[in-house]
C-alpha atoms as a PDB file:
ATOM      1  CA  MET A   1    -179.694-127.482  94.922  1.00  0.00           C
ATOM      2  CA  THR A   2    -178.060-125.739  98.065  1.00  0.00           C
ATOM      3  CA  THR A   3    -174.773-126.206  97.036  1.00  0.00           C
ATOM      4  CA  LEU A   4    -175.374-125.569  93.390  1.00  0.00           C
ATOM      5  CA  ASN A   5    -176.412-121.855  94.711  1.00  0.00           C
ATOM      6  CA  ILE A   6    -173.448-121.585  97.021  1.00  0.00           C
ATOM      7  CA  ASP A   7    -171.060-122.182  94.152  1.00  0.00           C
ATOM      8  CA  THR A   8    -172.359-119.850  91.629  1.00  0.00           C
ATOM      9  CA  GLN A   9    -172.497-117.089  94.454  1.00  0.00           C
ATOM     10  CA  VAL A  10    -169.099-117.775  94.734  1.00  0.00           C
ATOM     11  CA  LYS A  11    -168.104-117.751  91.303  1.00  0.00           C
ATOM     12  CA  GLU A  12    -169.764-114.211  91.098  1.00  0.00           C
ATOM     13  CA  GLU A  13    -167.775-112.523  93.883  1.00  0.00           C
ATOM     14  CA  ASN A  14    -164.646-114.219  92.472  1.00  0.00           C
ATOM     15  CA  ALA A  15    -165.563-112.928  88.906  1.00  0.00           C
ATOM     16  CA  GLU A  16    -166.330-109.210  90.400  1.00  0.00           C
ATOM     17  CA  PRO A  17    -162.561-108.327  91.285  1.00  0.00           C
ATOM     18  CA  GLU A  18    -160.866-109.840  88.286  1.00  0.00           C
ATOM     19  CA  ARG A  19    -163.311-107.252  86.619  1.00  0.00           C
ATOM     20  CA  ASP A  20    -162.083-104.564  89.060  1.00  0.00           C
ATOM     21  CA  SER A  21    -158.419-105.686  87.930  1.00  0.00           C
ATOM     22  CA  ALA A  22    -158.839-105.504  84.659  1.00  0.00           C
ATOM     23  CA  GLY A  23    -160.473-101.798  85.145  1.00  0.00           C
ATOM     24  CA  GLU A  24    -157.295-101.076  87.119  1.00  0.00           C
ATOM     25  CA  GLN A  25    -154.896-102.360  84.055  1.00  0.00           C
ATOM     26  CA  GLY A  26    -153.418 -99.224  82.151  1.00  0.00           C
ATOM     27  CA  ALA A  27    -154.261 -98.284  78.607  1.00  0.00           C
ATOM     28  CA  SER A  28    -152.656-100.258  75.690  1.00  0.00           C
ATOM     29  CA  LEU A  29    -149.624 -98.919  74.037  1.00  0.00           C
ATOM     30  CA  VAL A  30    -151.391 -99.281  70.526  1.00  0.00           C
ATOM     31  CA  ARG A  31    -154.133 -97.252  71.929  1.00  0.00           C
ATOM     32  CA  ARG A  32    -151.622 -94.472  73.586  1.00  0.00           C
ATOM     33  CA  ALA A  33    -149.554 -94.298  70.434  1.00  0.00           C
ATOM     34  CA  ARG A  34    -152.839 -93.405  68.298  1.00  0.00           C
ATOM     35  CA  ALA A  35    -153.890 -90.976  70.541  1.00  0.00           C
ATOM     36  CA  LEU A  36    -150.399 -89.317  70.709  1.00  0.00           C
ATOM     37  CA  ALA A  37    -150.050 -88.995  67.196  1.00  0.00           C
ATOM     38  CA  VAL A  38    -153.239 -87.178  67.005  1.00  0.00           C
ATOM     39  CA  ASP A  39    -152.190 -84.917  69.682  1.00  0.00           C
ATOM     40  CA  MET A  40    -148.883 -84.195  68.061  1.00  0.00           C
ATOM     41  CA  CYS A  41    -148.579 -85.151  64.561  1.00  0.00           C
ATOM     42  CA  PRO A  42    -151.202 -82.476  63.086  1.00  0.00           C
ATOM     43  CA  PRO A  43    -149.595 -79.431  65.239  1.00  0.00           C
ATOM     44  CA  LEU A  44    -145.751 -80.181  64.611  1.00  0.00           C
ATOM     45  CA  ALA A  45    -146.528 -80.644  61.218  1.00  0.00           C
ATOM     46  CA  ALA A  46    -148.099 -77.437  60.866  1.00  0.00           C
ATOM     47  CA  ALA A  47    -145.155 -75.627  63.040  1.00  0.00           C
ATOM     48  CA  ALA A  48    -142.485 -77.533  60.891  1.00  0.00           C
ATOM     49  CA  SER A  49    -144.302 -76.258  57.664  1.00  0.00           C
ATOM     50  CA  ALA A  50    -144.645 -72.924  58.595  1.00  0.00           C
ATOM     51  CA  GLY A  51    -141.211 -72.844  59.530  1.00  0.00           C
ATOM     52  CA  VAL A  52    -140.052 -73.687  56.070  1.00  0.00           C
ATOM     53  CA  LEU A  53    -142.180 -71.251  54.555  1.00  0.00           C
ATOM     54  CA  SER A  54    -140.985 -68.391  56.572  1.00  0.00           C
ATOM     55  CA  GLN A  55    -137.500 -69.332  55.158  1.00  0.00           C
ATOM     56  CA  ILE A  56    -138.922 -69.608  51.688  1.00  0.00           C
ATOM     57  CA  LEU A  57    -141.257 -66.442  51.071  1.00  0.00           C
ATOM     58  CA  ALA A  58    -140.121 -62.989  51.054  1.00  0.00           C
ATOM     59  CA  GLY A  59    -141.708 -60.104  52.683  1.00  0.00           C
ATOM     60  CA  GLN A  60    -142.647 -58.967  56.119  1.00  0.00           C
ATOM     61  CA  VAL A  61    -146.580 -60.107  56.371  1.00  0.00           C
ATOM     62  CA  TRP A  62    -145.542 -63.525  55.027  1.00  0.00           C
ATOM     63  CA  ALA A  63    -142.945 -63.520  58.068  1.00  0.00           C
ATOM     64  CA  VAL A  64    -145.490 -62.600  60.996  1.00  0.00           C
ATOM     65  CA  LEU A  65    -147.981 -65.204  59.483  1.00  0.00           C
ATOM     66  CA  CYS A  66    -145.304 -68.165  59.079  1.00  0.00           C
ATOM     67  CA  TRP A  67    -144.668 -67.183  62.736  1.00  0.00           C
ATOM     68  CA  GLY A  68    -148.052 -66.714  63.905  1.00  0.00           C
ATOM     69  CA  ILE A  69    -149.131 -70.693  62.765  1.00  0.00           C
ATOM     70  CA  VAL A  70    -146.208 -71.512  64.578  1.00  0.00           C
ATOM     71  CA  ALA A  71    -147.315 -69.900  67.431  1.00  0.00           C
ATOM     72  CA  VAL A  72    -150.779 -71.319  67.531  1.00  0.00           C
ATOM     73  CA  SER A  73    -149.693 -74.557  67.181  1.00  0.00           C
ATOM     74  CA  GLY A  74    -147.564 -74.205  70.328  1.00  0.00           C
ATOM     75  CA  LEU A  75    -150.534 -72.844  72.248  1.00  0.00           C
ATOM     76  CA  PHE A  76    -152.633 -75.842  70.641  1.00  0.00           C
ATOM     77  CA  ILE A  77    -149.805 -78.103  72.367  1.00  0.00           C
ATOM     78  CA  VAL A  78    -150.209 -76.543  76.067  1.00  0.00           C
ATOM     79  CA  ALA A  79    -153.776 -76.159  75.818  1.00  0.00           C
ATOM     80  CA  ASN A  80    -154.521 -79.661  74.752  1.00  0.00           C
ATOM     81  CA  SER A  81    -152.030 -81.446  76.521  1.00  0.00           C
ATOM     82  CA  ILE A  82    -151.365 -79.708  79.762  1.00  0.00           C
ATOM     83  CA  ASN A  83    -154.520 -77.364  80.409  1.00  0.00           C
ATOM     84  CA  CYS A  84    -156.938 -80.513  79.017  1.00  0.00           C
ATOM     85  CA  GLN A  85    -155.451 -83.166  80.239  1.00  0.00           C
ATOM     86  CA  GLY A  86    -154.921 -81.917  83.748  1.00  0.00           C
ATOM     87  CA  ARG A  87    -158.400 -80.781  84.096  1.00  0.00           C
ATOM     88  CA  THR A  88    -160.731 -83.719  82.251  1.00  0.00           C
ATOM     89  CA  GLY A  89    -157.864 -85.914  81.831  1.00  0.00           C
ATOM     90  CA  ARG A  90    -158.477 -86.010  78.199  1.00  0.00           C
ATOM     91  CA  THR A  91    -156.933 -84.586  75.395  1.00  0.00           C
ATOM     92  CA  ALA A  92    -158.333 -84.793  71.582  1.00  0.00           C
ATOM     93  CA  GLY A  93    -156.269 -87.723  70.794  1.00  0.00           C
ATOM     94  CA  LYS A  94    -157.405 -89.700  74.102  1.00  0.00           C
ATOM     95  CA  TYR A  95    -161.051 -88.594  73.663  1.00  0.00           C
ATOM     96  CA  LEU A  96    -160.930 -90.157  70.425  1.00  0.00           C
ATOM     97  CA  GLU A  97    -159.295 -93.502  71.781  1.00  0.00           C
ATOM     98  CA  GLY A  98    -161.380 -93.520  74.808  1.00  0.00           C
ATOM     99  CA  LEU A  99    -158.367 -93.106  77.373  1.00  0.00           C
ATOM    100  CA  ARG A 100    -158.247 -90.777  80.608  1.00  0.00           C
ATOM    101  CA  THR A 101    -155.219 -89.559  82.509  1.00  0.00           C
ATOM    102  CA  VAL A 102    -155.633 -89.703  86.204  1.00  0.00           C
ATOM    103  CA  SER A 103    -153.767 -89.801  89.370  1.00  0.00           C
ATOM    104  CA  THR A 104    -152.160 -92.857  90.377  1.00  0.00           C
ATOM    105  CA  THR A 105    -153.735 -92.114  94.332  1.00  0.00           C
ATOM    106  CA  ALA A 106    -157.158 -90.604  93.402  1.00  0.00           C
ATOM    107  CA  GLY A 107    -158.068 -91.840  90.508  1.00  0.00           C
ATOM    108  CA  ALA A 108    -159.357 -88.000  89.764  1.00  0.00           C
ATOM    109  CA  PRO A 109    -157.686 -85.740  86.595  1.00  0.00           C
ATOM    110  CA  ILE A 110    -153.909 -85.019  87.565  1.00  0.00           C
ATOM    111  CA  GLY A 111    -154.065 -81.346  87.668  1.00  0.00           C
ATOM    112  CA  ILE A 112    -152.523 -78.402  85.639  1.00  0.00           C
ATOM    113  CA  VAL A 113    -149.613 -78.768  87.564  1.00  0.00           C
ATOM    114  CA  ARG A 114    -148.695 -82.750  87.013  1.00  0.00           C
ATOM    115  CA  ALA A 115    -149.851 -82.278  83.731  1.00  0.00           C
ATOM    116  CA  THR A 116    -147.350 -79.835  83.258  1.00  0.00           C
ATOM    117  CA  ILE A 117    -144.464 -81.648  84.783  1.00  0.00           C
ATOM    118  CA  ARG A 118    -145.697 -84.906  82.677  1.00  0.00           C
ATOM    119  CA  VAL A 119    -145.156 -83.267  79.436  1.00  0.00           C
ATOM    120  CA  GLY A 120    -142.071 -81.852  80.590  1.00  0.00           C
ATOM    121  CA  CYS A 121    -140.887 -85.412  81.153  1.00  0.00           C
ATOM    122  CA  LEU A 122    -141.890 -86.624  77.895  1.00  0.00           C
ATOM    123  CA  PRO A 123    -138.405 -85.934  76.536  1.00  0.00           C
ATOM    124  CA  VAL A 124    -136.751 -88.211  79.214  1.00  0.00           C
ATOM    125  CA  ASP A 125    -138.324 -91.322  77.457  1.00  0.00           C
ATOM    126  CA  GLY A 126    -137.222 -90.132  74.158  1.00  0.00           C
ATOM    127  CA  ILE A 127    -133.538 -89.845  75.645  1.00  0.00           C
ATOM    128  CA  LEU A 128    -133.563 -93.008  76.861  1.00  0.00           C
ATOM    129  CA  PHE A 129    -134.022 -94.865  73.177  1.00  0.00           C
ATOM    130  CA  LEU A 130    -137.545 -94.821  73.693  1.00  0.00           C
ATOM    131  CA  ILE A 131    -137.206 -97.308  76.507  1.00  0.00           C
ATOM    132  CA  GLY A 132    -139.929 -95.375  78.530  1.00  0.00           C
ATOM    133  CA  ARG A 133    -141.987 -95.700  75.865  1.00  0.00           C
ATOM    134  CA  PHE A 134    -141.708 -99.432  75.928  1.00  0.00           C
ATOM    135  CA  TRP A 135    -141.742 -99.775  79.848  1.00  0.00           C
ATOM    136  CA  PRO A 136    -145.573-100.295  79.790  1.00  0.00           C
ATOM    137  CA  LEU A 137    -145.204-103.508  78.195  1.00  0.00           C
ATOM    138  CA  HIS A 138    -143.614-104.962  81.329  1.00  0.00           C
ATOM    139  CA  ARG A 139    -145.762-103.288  83.876  1.00  0.00           C
ATOM    140  CA  GLY A 140    -149.218-104.770  84.976  1.00  0.00           C
ATOM    141  CA  GLN A 141    -150.264-100.617  85.004  1.00  0.00           C
ATOM    142  CA  ARG A 142    -148.173 -99.611  81.526  1.00  0.00           C
ATOM    143  CA  ARG A 143    -146.983 -96.603  83.361  1.00  0.00           C
ATOM    144  CA  THR A 144    -143.891 -94.656  81.212  1.00  0.00           C
ATOM    145  CA  TYR A 145    -141.016 -92.965  82.924  1.00  0.00           C
ATOM    146  CA  ALA A 146    -143.207 -89.855  82.548  1.00  0.00           C
ATOM    147  CA  ASP A 147    -146.167 -91.162  84.364  1.00  0.00           C
ATOM    148  CA  ASN A 148    -143.951 -92.300  87.237  1.00  0.00           C
ATOM    149  CA  ILE A 149    -142.312 -89.235  87.243  1.00  0.00           C
ATOM    150  CA  ALA A 150    -145.723 -87.400  87.427  1.00  0.00           C
ATOM    151  CA  GLY A 151    -148.022 -90.096  89.682  1.00  0.00           C
ATOM    152  CA  SER A 152    -150.295 -90.651  86.626  1.00  0.00           C
ATOM    153  CA  VAL A 153    -151.529 -93.458  84.633  1.00  0.00           C
ATOM    154  CA  VAL A 154    -153.108 -94.108  81.508  1.00  0.00           C
ATOM    155  CA  ARG A 155    -156.381 -95.780  82.072  1.00  0.00           C
ATOM    156  CA  THR A 156    -159.939 -96.673  79.623  1.00  0.00           C
ATOM    157  CA  SER A 157    -162.649 -94.209  80.312  1.00  0.00           C
ATOM    158  CA  ASP A 158    -164.591 -96.185  77.763  1.00  0.00           C
ATOM    159  CA  THR A 159    -165.398 -99.853  79.005  1.00  0.00           C
ATOM    160  CA  GLU A 160    -166.591-100.806  75.381  1.00  0.00           C
ATOM    161  CA  GLY A 161    -163.379 -99.089  73.535  1.00  0.00           C
ATOM    162  CA  PRO A 162    -163.218 -96.161  71.185  1.00  0.00           C
ATOM    163  CA  THR A 163    -166.019 -96.435  68.682  1.00  0.00           C
ATOM    164  CA  HIS A 164    -164.985 -97.382  64.683  1.00  0.00           C
ATOM    165  CA  GLY A 165    -165.860 -93.717  63.848  1.00  0.00           C
ATOM    166  CA  ARG A 166    -164.149 -92.033  66.351  1.00  0.00           C
ATOM    167  CA  ARG A 167    -160.827 -93.916  65.996  1.00  0.00           C
ATOM    168  CA  ARG A 168    -161.378 -93.140  61.826  1.00  0.00           C
ATOM    169  CA  LEU A 169    -162.004 -89.533  62.994  1.00  0.00           C
ATOM    170  CA  GLY A 170    -158.894 -89.410  64.880  1.00  0.00           C
ATOM    171  CA  MET A 171    -156.215 -91.039  62.562  1.00  0.00           C
ATOM    172  CA  THR A 172    -157.656 -89.169  59.527  1.00  0.00           C
ATOM    173  CA  ALA A 173    -156.958 -85.729  61.431  1.00  0.00           C
ATOM    174  CA  ALA A 174    -153.625 -87.376  62.325  1.00  0.00           C
ATOM    175  CA  ALA A 175    -152.441 -88.153  58.638  1.00  0.00           C
ATOM    176  CA  MET A 176    -154.417 -85.560  56.845  1.00  0.00           C
ATOM    177  CA  ILE A 177    -153.304 -82.556  57.993  1.00  0.00           C
ATOM    178  CA  PRO A 178    -149.196 -83.464  58.012  1.00  0.00           C
ATOM    179  CA  LEU A 179    -150.157 -84.757  54.281  1.00  0.00           C
ATOM    180  CA  GLY A 180    -151.851 -81.287  53.842  1.00  0.00           C
ATOM    181  CA  ALA A 181    -148.931 -79.583  55.219  1.00  0.00           C
ATOM    182  CA  ILE A 182    -146.721 -81.454  52.838  1.00  0.00           C
ATOM    183  CA  LEU A 183    -149.051 -80.555  49.833  1.00  0.00           C
ATOM    184  CA  VAL A 184    -148.746 -76.738  50.708  1.00  0.00           C
ATOM    185  CA  LEU A 185    -144.961 -76.982  50.728  1.00  0.00           C
ATOM    186  CA  VAL A 186    -144.831 -78.860  47.474  1.00  0.00           C
ATOM    187  CA  LEU A 187    -146.961 -75.796  45.662  1.00  0.00           C
ATOM    188  CA  VAL A 188    -144.958 -73.462  47.476  1.00  0.00           C
ATOM    189  CA  GLN A 189    -142.394 -74.963  45.877  1.00  0.00           C
ATOM    190  CA  PHE A 190    -143.737 -75.369  42.547  1.00  0.00           C
ATOM    191  CA  PHE A 191    -145.583 -71.565  42.104  1.00  0.00           C
ATOM    192  CA  VAL A 192    -143.047 -69.630  43.977  1.00  0.00           C
ATOM    193  CA  GLN A 193    -139.677 -71.090  44.712  1.00  0.00           C
ATOM    194  CA  ARG A 194    -139.313 -72.309  41.538  1.00  0.00           C
ATOM    195  CA  ALA A 195    -140.408 -69.116  40.004  1.00  0.00           C
ATOM    196  CA  GLY A 196    -138.157 -67.569  41.891  1.00  0.00           C
ATOM    197  CA  ASP A 197    -134.910 -69.916  41.000  1.00  0.00           C
ATOM    198  CA  GLN A 198    -135.698 -69.300  37.567  1.00  0.00           C
ATOM    199  CA  ASP A 199    -135.494 -65.777  38.337  1.00  0.00           C
ATOM    200  CA  VAL A 200    -132.034 -66.146  39.586  1.00  0.00           C
ATOM    201  CA  VAL A 201    -130.990 -68.426  36.555  1.00  0.00           C
ATOM    202  CA  ALA A 202    -131.855 -65.713  34.382  1.00  0.00           C
ATOM    203  CA  ALA A 203    -130.025 -63.113  36.198  1.00  0.00           C
ATOM    204  CA  HIS A 204    -126.479 -64.668  35.763  1.00  0.00           C
ATOM    205  CA  GLY A 205    -126.411 -63.447  32.379  1.00  0.00           C
ATOM    206  CA  SER A 206    -127.558 -59.908  33.069  1.00  0.00           C
ATOM    207  CA  VAL A 207    -125.164 -59.607  35.894  1.00  0.00           C
ATOM    208  CA  THR A 208    -122.191 -60.546  34.166  1.00  0.00           C
ATOM    209  CA  GLN A 209    -122.861 -58.457  31.723  1.00  0.00           C
ATOM    210  CA  VAL A 210    -123.116 -55.491  33.857  1.00  0.00           C
ATOM    211  CA  ALA A 211    -120.139 -56.174  35.893  1.00  0.00           C
ATOM    212  CA  SER A 212    -117.968 -56.817  33.047  1.00  0.00           C
ATOM    213  CA  ASP A 213    -119.160 -53.235  31.288  1.00  0.00           C
ATOM    214  CA  GLY A 214    -119.212 -51.442  34.713  1.00  0.00           C
ATOM    215  CA  ALA A 215    -115.339 -52.569  35.232  1.00  0.00           C
ATOM    216  CA  VAL A 216    -114.456 -51.352  31.630  1.00  0.00           C
ATOM    217  CA  ALA A 217    -116.041 -47.951  32.111  1.00  0.00           C
ATOM    218  CA  LEU A 218    -114.606 -47.327  35.529  1.00  0.00           C
ATOM    219  CA  LEU A 219    -111.195 -48.279  34.120  1.00  0.00           C
ATOM    220  CA  SER A 220    -111.337 -46.111  30.826  1.00  0.00           C
ATOM    221  CA  TYR A 221    -110.888 -42.844  30.543  1.00  0.00           C
ATOM    222  CA  LYS A 222    -108.759 -40.130  28.493  1.00  0.00           C
ATOM    223  CA  PRO A 223    -107.367 -37.200  29.297  1.00  0.00           C
ATOM    224  CA  ASP A 224    -109.568 -34.607  27.205  1.00  0.00           C
ATOM    225  CA  THR A 225    -112.731 -36.565  27.749  1.00  0.00           C
ATOM    226  CA  VAL A 226    -111.760 -37.651  31.597  1.00  0.00           C
ATOM    227  CA  ASP A 227    -114.908 -35.846  33.263  1.00  0.00           C
ATOM    228  CA  GLN A 228    -117.519 -37.433  30.851  1.00  0.00           C
ATOM    229  CA  ASP A 229    -115.848 -40.875  30.886  1.00  0.00           C
ATOM    230  CA  LEU A 230    -116.070 -40.715  34.707  1.00  0.00           C
ATOM    231  CA  ASP A 231    -119.490 -38.949  34.993  1.00  0.00           C
ATOM    232  CA  ALA A 232    -120.689 -41.977  32.808  1.00  0.00           C
ATOM    233  CA  ALA A 233    -119.470 -44.445  35.121  1.00  0.00           C
ATOM    234  CA  ARG A 234    -121.443 -43.190  38.134  1.00  0.00           C
ATOM    235  CA  GLY A 235    -124.118 -44.098  36.466  1.00  0.00           C
ATOM    236  CA  VAL A 236    -123.567 -47.745  36.873  1.00  0.00           C
ATOM    237  CA  LEU A 237    -123.207 -47.159  40.871  1.00  0.00           C
ATOM    238  CA  THR A 238    -124.598 -46.921  43.888  1.00  0.00           C
ATOM    239  CA  GLY A 239    -124.662 -47.100  47.616  1.00  0.00           C
ATOM    240  CA  ASP A 240    -121.243 -46.222  49.688  1.00  0.00           C
ATOM    241  CA  PHE A 241    -119.381 -47.006  46.641  1.00  0.00           C
ATOM    242  CA  LEU A 242    -120.940 -44.280  44.570  1.00  0.00           C
ATOM    243  CA  GLU A 243    -120.055 -41.558  47.004  1.00  0.00           C
ATOM    244  CA  THR A 244    -116.405 -42.956  47.182  1.00  0.00           C
ATOM    245  CA  TYR A 245    -115.869 -43.537  43.699  1.00  0.00           C
ATOM    246  CA  THR A 246    -117.243 -39.734  43.122  1.00  0.00           C
ATOM    247  CA  LYS A 247    -114.757 -37.933  45.631  1.00  0.00           C
ATOM    248  CA  LEU A 248    -111.852 -40.009  44.166  1.00  0.00           C
ATOM    249  CA  ALA A 249    -112.711 -39.128  40.562  1.00  0.00           C
ATOM    250  CA  LYS A 250    -112.578 -35.561  41.390  1.00  0.00           C
ATOM    251  CA  ASP A 251    -109.751 -35.044  43.663  1.00  0.00           C
ATOM    252  CA  VAL A 252    -107.709 -37.861  42.319  1.00  0.00           C
ATOM    253  CA  VAL A 253    -108.553 -39.472  38.985  1.00  0.00           C
ATOM    254  CA  ALA A 254    -109.416 -36.316  36.697  1.00  0.00           C
ATOM    255  CA  PRO A 255    -106.600 -34.165  37.638  1.00  0.00           C
ATOM    256  CA  THR A 256    -104.382 -36.349  37.573  1.00  0.00           C
ATOM    257  CA  ALA A 257    -105.474 -37.787  34.011  1.00  0.00           C
ATOM    258  CA  LYS A 258    -105.461 -33.547  32.650  1.00  0.00           C
ATOM    259  CA  ASP A 259    -101.874 -33.241  34.169  1.00  0.00           C
ATOM    260  CA  LYS A 260    -100.053 -36.516  33.164  1.00  0.00           C
ATOM    261  CA  GLN A 261    -102.108 -37.001  30.225  1.00  0.00           C
ATOM    262  CA  VAL A 262    -102.896 -40.281  31.118  1.00  0.00           C
ATOM    263  CA  THR A 263    -104.976 -42.844  29.141  1.00  0.00           C
ATOM    264  CA  MET A 264    -106.391 -45.868  30.494  1.00  0.00           C
ATOM    265  CA  GLN A 265    -108.345 -48.419  27.880  1.00  0.00           C
ATOM    266  CA  ALA A 266    -109.630 -51.608  29.962  1.00  0.00           C
ATOM    267  CA  SER A 267    -111.092 -54.500  28.300  1.00  0.00           C
ATOM    268  CA  ALA A 268    -113.118 -57.710  29.673  1.00  0.00           C
ATOM    269  CA  ALA A 269    -111.020 -61.051  29.414  1.00  0.00           C
ATOM    270  CA  GLY A 270    -113.925 -63.185  31.250  1.00  0.00           C
ATOM    271  CA  SER A 271    -116.124 -63.137  33.907  1.00  0.00           C
ATOM    272  CA  ALA A 272    -117.489 -65.621  36.646  1.00  0.00           C
ATOM    273  CA  VAL A 273    -120.552 -65.433  39.346  1.00  0.00           C
ATOM    274  CA  GLU A 274    -119.303 -66.056  42.399  1.00  0.00           C
ATOM    275  CA  SER A 275    -123.048 -65.673  44.119  1.00  0.00           C
ATOM    276  CA  VAL A 276    -126.205 -64.570  42.614  1.00  0.00           C
ATOM    277  CA  SER A 277    -129.979 -63.653  44.534  1.00  0.00           C
ATOM    278  CA  ALA A 278    -132.751 -61.986  43.914  1.00  0.00           C
ATOM    279  CA  ASP A 279    -131.124 -58.552  44.636  1.00  0.00           C
ATOM    280  CA  GLN A 280    -127.030 -59.034  45.072  1.00  0.00           C
ATOM    281  CA  ALA A 281    -124.752 -60.560  43.266  1.00  0.00           C
ATOM    282  CA  SER A 282    -121.119 -61.193  43.208  1.00  0.00           C
ATOM    283  CA  VAL A 283    -118.915 -61.445  40.176  1.00  0.00           C
ATOM    284  CA  LEU A 284    -115.439 -62.049  39.413  1.00  0.00           C
ATOM    285  CA  VAL A 285    -114.240 -59.731  36.513  1.00  0.00           C
ATOM    286  CA  TYR A 286    -110.962 -60.431  34.502  1.00  0.00           C
ATOM    287  CA  ILE A 287    -109.570 -57.432  33.108  1.00  0.00           C
ATOM    288  CA  ASN A 288    -106.545 -56.611  30.633  1.00  0.00           C
ATOM    289  CA  GLN A 289    -105.573 -52.840  30.651  1.00  0.00           C
ATOM    290  CA  SER A 290    -103.362 -50.903  28.680  1.00  0.00           C
ATOM    291  CA  THR A 291    -101.693 -47.435  29.929  1.00  0.00           C
ATOM    292  CA  THR A 292     -99.964 -44.560  28.266  1.00  0.00           C
ATOM    293  CA  THR A 293     -98.930 -41.389  29.477  1.00  0.00           C
ATOM    294  CA  ALA A 294     -96.933 -38.326  28.827  1.00  0.00           C
ATOM    295  CA  SER A 295     -93.921 -39.060  30.156  1.00  0.00           C
ATOM    296  CA  SER A 296     -94.253 -42.771  28.569  1.00  0.00           C
ATOM    297  CA  PRO A 297     -95.980 -42.929  25.580  1.00  0.00           C
ATOM    298  CA  GLU A 298     -95.405 -46.752  25.327  1.00  0.00           C
ATOM    299  CA  THR A 299     -98.484 -48.602  26.021  1.00  0.00           C
ATOM    300  CA  THR A 300     -98.169 -50.564  29.490  1.00  0.00           C
ATOM    301  CA  GLN A 301    -100.088 -53.750  29.813  1.00  0.00           C
ATOM    302  CA  SER A 302    -101.353 -54.983  32.854  1.00  0.00           C
ATOM    303  CA  GLN A 303    -103.936 -57.903  34.211  1.00  0.00           C
ATOM    304  CA  ASN A 304    -106.236 -57.690  37.226  1.00  0.00           C
ATOM    305  CA  ALA A 305    -109.056 -59.654  38.824  1.00  0.00           C
ATOM    306  CA  ILE A 306    -112.048 -57.450  40.598  1.00  0.00           C
ATOM    307  CA  ARG A 307    -114.543 -58.965  42.449  1.00  0.00           C
ATOM    308  CA  VAL A 308    -117.447 -56.527  41.562  1.00  0.00           C
ATOM    309  CA  GLY A 309    -121.098 -56.615  44.118  1.00  0.00           C
ATOM    310  CA  LEU A 310    -123.862 -55.969  42.646  1.00  0.00           C
ATOM    311  CA  THR A 311    -127.739 -54.504  43.950  1.00  0.00           C
ATOM    312  CA  ARG A 312    -130.384 -54.823  42.354  1.00  0.00           C
ATOM    313  CA  VAL A 313    -132.266 -51.301  42.374  1.00  0.00           C
ATOM    314  CA  ASP A 314    -135.622 -50.859  40.755  1.00  0.00           C
ATOM    315  CA  GLU A 315    -135.052 -53.733  38.687  1.00  0.00           C
ATOM    316  CA  THR A 316    -131.842 -52.274  37.414  1.00  0.00           C
ATOM    317  CA  TRP A 317    -128.694 -53.754  38.916  1.00  0.00           C
ATOM    318  CA  LEU A 318    -125.899 -51.431  40.159  1.00  0.00           C
ATOM    319  CA  ILE A 319    -122.265 -51.753  40.906  1.00  0.00           C
ATOM    320  CA  SER A 320    -122.185 -51.448  44.988  1.00  0.00           C
ATOM    321  CA  ARG A 321    -118.542 -52.983  45.349  1.00  0.00           C
ATOM    322  CA  PHE A 322    -115.643 -52.798  43.537  1.00  0.00           C
ATOM    323  CA  GLU A 323    -112.490 -54.817  44.973  1.00  0.00           C
ATOM    324  CA  PRO A 324    -109.153 -55.179  42.820  1.00  0.00           C
ATOM    325  CA  LEU A 325    -107.851 -58.488  44.083  1.00  0.00           C
ATOM    326  CA  PHE A 326    -104.374 -57.818  42.642  1.00  0.00           C
END
């Protein structure tokens, strides 16, 4: 009986260090990966979606709102991965997985400074082709390069492991927020971007017509009606080109037409849209032009290609640029 009691005590004494040794072992890579997904996927998905939306949706209010979401997502990452992890050893993902980041020497939370260093060193793991992430598979404490640099280790804080409900909650959050962000992008694409694309397609016909008619009006006049012809042409112009054309028509074109009896008649031979957006367009217009003067009554024929820039002003396309190409 005495021998049996001694053997039992020896086994119990030997068993206790084994539990302590197991407790010192770092958290598994799978649990750490799930915790990282919970911490990073939702804010990164929200930030990426907001960044894309800021490029799709027009207007200063939308831009401020979208970039505000990006800023909040960044603040969440900082607060969660640096402040919470530094003070308590836990992020939202690590709490759901039953993990805790502690100092390798004191076993206490690593503090904000070392947490900042640890987060800042996480890209080192990625730069080394994820070798840093797989380092834990070959070390007892399962420390990544970032852990080694910051002097930290991720351990299981719940001996029984994460509950099924907590793990389900974490995985649901990590999956649903990115899926929700994708859904928002799809809805915006369908209801906003698609409608804008349809408007752009519809604008192709109108910009070619305005550019062709405008080019013909600018290049057609008779000596007897030159003032009226040029005034009518000014009605389809806008911006700096309107001022330039007005001065040119008054100082050069009208006096020359009256003095030399110049008659110019243009016709559009064709047109092609170079680019078009919601409020800007560029169209190439091919012009056939005939000219007669008092000194040369025989008609002179010429051809030209003109790049016509248009700007949408109060739902009306007006010519803002007029560039003969040859």
